[in-house]
Amino acid sequence: MCWYCGSAVKDEEPIGRSLKCEVCGRDLRSCRNCRFYLPEAQGSCSETNAEKQSDPERGNFCDWYKLNFKFKSVTPGEKAAQEGTLAARKAFEDLFS
């Protein structure tokens, strides 16, 4: 999922530098989506060999980038939105039953 809006990342790895979220348009290959991203770490990266990036929210060419596994699962917010959509669809279909 996108670190910013929580929408699912449907593309397979490797994630290209120019790939953007389909919903919010944010860069997907950014430090914020990486499994090594740690805001509290010096340089925001737990990988000691990685180059420091000037903006963790922008796309980069880091060789150490790996999509964070937690972004591949559905969040509680996304699950609630999906359930809300299904409930609305059922209520609409019930109008014509």
N, C-alpha and C. Protein backbone atom coordinates (compact mmCIF):
# COMPACT_ATOMS: atom_id res chain seq x y z
N MET A 1 0.83 -1.17 0.00
CA MET A 1 0.00 0.00 0.00
C MET A 1 0.87 1.24 0.00
N CYS A 2 0.34 2.28 -0.50
CA CYS A 2 1.04 3.56 -0.52
C CYS A 2 1.17 4.07 0.91
N TRP A 3 2.34 4.55 1.26
CA TRP A 3 2.58 5.05 2.62
C TRP A 3 1.70 6.27 2.89
N TYR A 4 1.29 6.99 1.87
CA TYR A 4 0.57 8.24 2.05
C TYR A 4 -0.94 8.03 2.16
N CYS A 5 -1.52 7.31 1.18
CA CYS A 5 -2.98 7.19 1.17
C CYS A 5 -3.49 5.80 1.55
N GLY A 6 -2.60 4.81 1.60
CA GLY A 6 -3.00 3.47 2.01
C GLY A 6 -3.57 2.60 0.91
N SER A 7 -3.54 3.10 -0.34
CA SER A 7 -4.06 2.27 -1.43
C SER A 7 -3.07 1.15 -1.76
N ALA A 8 -3.60 0.06 -2.28
CA ALA A 8 -2.79 -1.12 -2.53
C ALA A 8 -1.76 -0.89 -3.64
N VAL A 9 -0.57 -1.44 -3.45
CA VAL A 9 0.46 -1.44 -4.48
C VAL A 9 0.28 -2.74 -5.24
N LYS A 10 -0.21 -2.65 -6.46
CA LYS A 10 -0.53 -3.84 -7.24
C LYS A 10 0.63 -4.29 -8.11
N ASP A 11 1.63 -3.44 -8.28
CA ASP A 11 2.77 -3.77 -9.13
C ASP A 11 3.72 -4.71 -8.41
N GLU A 12 4.33 -5.59 -9.17
CA GLU A 12 5.31 -6.52 -8.63
C GLU A 12 6.66 -5.83 -8.52
N GLU A 13 7.49 -6.35 -7.63
CA GLU A 13 8.85 -5.82 -7.52
C GLU A 13 9.67 -6.33 -8.69
N PRO A 14 10.64 -5.62 -9.16
CA PRO A 14 11.14 -4.37 -8.59
C PRO A 14 10.25 -3.18 -8.96
N ILE A 15 10.09 -2.30 -8.01
CA ILE A 15 9.30 -1.08 -8.19
C ILE A 15 10.20 -0.06 -8.91
N GLY A 16 9.76 0.45 -10.02
CA GLY A 16 10.53 1.44 -10.78
C GLY A 16 10.52 2.81 -10.13
N ARG A 17 11.56 3.60 -10.39
CA ARG A 17 11.68 4.91 -9.80
C ARG A 17 10.54 5.84 -10.19
N SER A 18 10.03 5.72 -11.39
CA SER A 18 8.99 6.63 -11.87
C SER A 18 7.57 6.15 -11.55
N LEU A 19 7.44 5.01 -10.90
CA LEU A 19 6.11 4.47 -10.59
C LEU A 19 5.44 5.30 -9.50
N LYS A 20 4.20 5.68 -9.76
CA LYS A 20 3.45 6.51 -8.82
C LYS A 20 2.19 5.79 -8.37
N CYS A 21 1.70 6.16 -7.22
CA CYS A 21 0.45 5.62 -6.68
C CYS A 21 -0.69 6.01 -7.62
N GLU A 22 -1.55 5.05 -7.93
CA GLU A 22 -2.68 5.31 -8.83
C GLU A 22 -3.70 6.25 -8.22
N VAL A 23 -3.75 6.33 -6.89
CA VAL A 23 -4.77 7.13 -6.22
C VAL A 23 -4.28 8.55 -5.92
N CYS A 24 -3.13 8.67 -5.23
CA CYS A 24 -2.68 10.00 -4.78
C CYS A 24 -1.53 10.58 -5.61
N GLY A 25 -0.90 9.76 -6.45
CA GLY A 25 0.17 10.27 -7.30
C GLY A 25 1.53 10.38 -6.64
N ARG A 26 1.68 9.87 -5.44
CA ARG A 26 2.98 9.93 -4.75
C ARG A 26 3.92 8.86 -5.31
N ASP A 27 5.23 9.13 -5.21
CA ASP A 27 6.24 8.17 -5.66
C ASP A 27 6.18 6.92 -4.79
N LEU A 28 6.17 5.74 -5.43
CA LEU A 28 6.15 4.49 -4.68
C LEU A 28 7.56 4.03 -4.29
N ARG A 29 8.54 4.29 -5.16
CA ARG A 29 9.91 3.89 -4.84
C ARG A 29 10.56 5.03 -4.05
N SER A 30 10.12 5.17 -2.83
CA SER A 30 10.64 6.21 -1.94
C SER A 30 11.02 5.57 -0.61
N CYS A 31 11.81 6.29 0.14
CA CYS A 31 12.25 5.78 1.45
C CYS A 31 11.05 5.41 2.32
N ARG A 32 9.99 6.19 2.23
CA ARG A 32 8.82 5.97 3.08
C ARG A 32 8.14 4.63 2.81
N ASN A 33 8.31 4.06 1.62
CA ASN A 33 7.72 2.76 1.30
C ASN A 33 8.71 1.61 1.46
N CYS A 34 9.92 1.91 1.87
CA CYS A 34 10.98 0.90 1.94
C CYS A 34 11.00 0.19 3.29
N ARG A 35 11.36 -1.09 3.26
CA ARG A 35 11.42 -1.86 4.51
C ARG A 35 12.55 -1.39 5.42
N PHE A 36 13.53 -0.68 4.89
CA PHE A 36 14.65 -0.19 5.70
C PHE A 36 14.37 1.19 6.29
N TYR A 37 13.24 1.80 5.98
CA TYR A 37 12.94 3.15 6.45
C TYR A 37 12.67 3.17 7.95
N LEU A 38 13.44 3.97 8.65
CA LEU A 38 13.26 4.19 10.09
C LEU A 38 13.43 5.69 10.35
N PRO A 39 12.35 6.40 10.62
CA PRO A 39 12.46 7.84 10.82
C PRO A 39 13.41 8.22 11.95
N GLU A 40 13.53 7.36 12.94
CA GLU A 40 14.39 7.68 14.09
C GLU A 40 15.86 7.38 13.83
N ALA A 41 16.18 6.66 12.74
CA ALA A 41 17.58 6.34 12.43
C ALA A 41 18.27 7.52 11.78
N GLN A 42 19.57 7.59 11.94
CA GLN A 42 20.34 8.66 11.30
C GLN A 42 20.21 8.48 9.79
N GLY A 43 19.75 9.51 9.11
CA GLY A 43 19.53 9.41 7.67
C GLY A 43 18.24 8.70 7.31
N SER A 44 17.44 8.32 8.28
CA SER A 44 16.14 7.66 8.09
C SER A 44 16.22 6.28 7.46
N CYS A 45 17.39 5.63 7.53
CA CYS A 45 17.53 4.32 6.92
C CYS A 45 18.29 3.39 7.86
N SER A 46 17.76 2.19 8.04
CA SER A 46 18.44 1.23 8.91
C SER A 46 19.55 0.50 8.16
N GLU A 47 19.59 0.62 6.84
CA GLU A 47 20.66 0.01 6.04
C GLU A 47 21.86 0.95 6.07
N THR A 48 22.93 0.51 6.70
CA THR A 48 24.10 1.38 6.90
C THR A 48 24.84 1.71 5.62
N ASN A 49 24.72 0.88 4.58
CA ASN A 49 25.43 1.13 3.32
C ASN A 49 24.66 1.99 2.34
N ALA A 50 23.42 2.30 2.62
CA ALA A 50 22.60 3.08 1.71
C ALA A 50 23.01 4.55 1.72
N GLU A 51 22.89 5.17 0.54
CA GLU A 51 23.17 6.60 0.45
C GLU A 51 22.03 7.39 1.08
N LYS A 52 22.37 8.50 1.73
CA LYS A 52 21.34 9.35 2.33
C LYS A 52 20.56 10.04 1.22
N GLN A 53 19.25 9.97 1.30
CA GLN A 53 18.38 10.62 0.32
C GLN A 53 17.95 11.97 0.85
N SER A 54 17.86 12.97 -0.01
CA SER A 54 17.51 14.31 0.43
C SER A 54 16.05 14.43 0.86
N ASP A 55 15.17 13.66 0.23
CA ASP A 55 13.75 13.71 0.57
C ASP A 55 13.19 12.29 0.61
N PRO A 56 12.83 11.79 1.80
CA PRO A 56 12.36 10.40 1.91
C PRO A 56 11.01 10.14 1.24
N GLU A 57 10.33 11.18 0.80
CA GLU A 57 9.02 11.02 0.16
C GLU A 57 9.10 11.03 -1.36
N ARG A 58 10.26 11.29 -1.92
CA ARG A 58 10.44 11.37 -3.37
C ARG A 58 11.08 10.10 -3.89
N GLY A 59 10.84 9.79 -5.16
CA GLY A 59 11.43 8.63 -5.80
C GLY A 59 12.95 8.74 -5.82
N ASN A 60 13.64 7.60 -5.76
CA ASN A 60 15.09 7.61 -5.76
C ASN A 60 15.64 6.37 -6.45
N PHE A 61 16.96 6.31 -6.56
CA PHE A 61 17.64 5.20 -7.23
C PHE A 61 18.35 4.28 -6.23
N CYS A 62 17.97 4.29 -4.99
CA CYS A 62 18.65 3.51 -3.96
C CYS A 62 18.70 2.02 -4.34
N ASP A 63 19.89 1.45 -4.29
CA ASP A 63 20.07 0.03 -4.61
C ASP A 63 19.52 -0.89 -3.53
N TRP A 64 19.29 -0.37 -2.34
CA TRP A 64 18.84 -1.18 -1.21
C TRP A 64 17.32 -1.23 -1.09
N TYR A 65 16.61 -0.50 -1.93
CA TYR A 65 15.15 -0.41 -1.81
C TYR A 65 14.46 -1.77 -1.91
N LYS A 66 13.61 -2.03 -0.95
CA LYS A 66 12.71 -3.20 -0.95
C LYS A 66 11.38 -2.71 -0.40
N LEU A 67 10.28 -3.04 -1.09
CA LEU A 67 8.96 -2.63 -0.62
C LEU A 67 8.70 -3.24 0.74
N ASN A 68 8.29 -2.42 1.69
CA ASN A 68 8.00 -2.87 3.04
C ASN A 68 6.85 -3.89 3.00
N PHE A 69 7.07 -5.06 3.57
CA PHE A 69 6.06 -6.13 3.53
C PHE A 69 4.74 -5.70 4.14
N LYS A 70 4.74 -4.77 5.09
CA LYS A 70 3.48 -4.35 5.71
C LYS A 70 2.59 -3.59 4.74
N PHE A 71 3.18 -3.06 3.66
CA PHE A 71 2.38 -2.35 2.67
C PHE A 71 1.73 -3.28 1.66
N LYS A 72 1.97 -4.58 1.78
CA LYS A 72 1.35 -5.55 0.89
C LYS A 72 0.07 -6.13 1.48
N SER A 73 -0.27 -5.77 2.71
CA SER A 73 -1.48 -6.30 3.34
C SER A 73 -2.53 -5.19 3.49
N VAL A 74 -3.75 -5.59 3.70
CA VAL A 74 -4.86 -4.65 3.83
C VAL A 74 -4.87 -4.06 5.23
N THR A 75 -4.96 -2.75 5.31
CA THR A 75 -5.03 -2.07 6.60
C THR A 75 -6.46 -2.11 7.12
N PRO A 76 -6.65 -1.89 8.42
CA PRO A 76 -8.02 -1.84 8.95
C PRO A 76 -8.87 -0.77 8.27
N GLY A 77 -8.27 0.37 7.92
CA GLY A 77 -9.01 1.44 7.24
C GLY A 77 -9.46 1.02 5.86
N GLU A 78 -8.57 0.35 5.13
CA GLU A 78 -8.93 -0.12 3.80
C GLU A 78 -10.00 -1.19 3.87
N LYS A 79 -9.89 -2.08 4.86
CA LYS A 79 -10.89 -3.13 5.03
C LYS A 79 -12.25 -2.51 5.35
N ALA A 80 -12.28 -1.49 6.20
CA ALA A 80 -13.54 -0.81 6.54
C ALA A 80 -14.14 -0.14 5.31
N ALA A 81 -13.29 0.47 4.48
CA ALA A 81 -13.78 1.12 3.27
C ALA A 81 -14.38 0.10 2.31
N GLN A 82 -13.72 -1.06 2.18
CA GLN A 82 -14.24 -2.11 1.30
C GLN A 82 -15.57 -2.62 1.82
N GLU A 83 -15.68 -2.81 3.14
CA GLU A 83 -16.93 -3.28 3.72
C GLU A 83 -18.04 -2.25 3.53
N GLY A 84 -17.69 -0.97 3.65
CA GLY A 84 -18.67 0.10 3.43
C GLY A 84 -19.18 0.11 2.00
N THR A 85 -18.28 -0.11 1.05
CA THR A 85 -18.67 -0.17 -0.36
C THR A 85 -19.60 -1.34 -0.61
N LEU A 86 -19.27 -2.49 -0.05
CA LEU A 86 -20.12 -3.67 -0.22
C LEU A 86 -21.50 -3.46 0.40
N ALA A 87 -21.54 -2.83 1.57
CA ALA A 87 -22.82 -2.57 2.24
C ALA A 87 -23.67 -1.60 1.41
N ALA A 88 -23.04 -0.58 0.84
CA ALA A 88 -23.77 0.38 0.01
C ALA A 88 -24.31 -0.30 -1.24
N ARG A 89 -23.52 -1.15 -1.86
CA ARG A 89 -23.95 -1.87 -3.06
C ARG A 89 -25.14 -2.77 -2.73
N LYS A 90 -25.08 -3.47 -1.59
CA LYS A 90 -26.17 -4.36 -1.19
C LYS A 90 -27.44 -3.56 -0.93
N ALA A 91 -27.31 -2.41 -0.26
CA ALA A 91 -28.47 -1.58 0.02
C ALA A 91 -29.11 -1.08 -1.29
N PHE A 92 -28.27 -0.73 -2.26
CA PHE A 92 -28.78 -0.29 -3.56
C PHE A 92 -29.51 -1.43 -4.27
N GLU A 93 -28.92 -2.61 -4.27
CA GLU A 93 -29.55 -3.76 -4.93
C GLU A 93 -30.85 -4.15 -4.23
N ASP A 94 -30.91 -3.96 -2.90
CA ASP A 94 -32.12 -4.29 -2.16
C ASP A 94 -33.29 -3.38 -2.53
N LEU A 95 -32.99 -2.18 -3.04
CA LEU A 95 -34.05 -1.28 -3.47
C LEU A 95 -34.86 -1.86 -4.62
N PHE A 96 -34.23 -2.70 -5.42
CA PHE A 96 -34.88 -3.25 -6.60
C PHE A 96 -35.29 -4.72 -6.43
N SER A 97 -35.20 -5.23 -5.21
CA SER A 97 -35.59 -6.64 -4.98
C SER A 97 -37.02 -6.75 -4.53
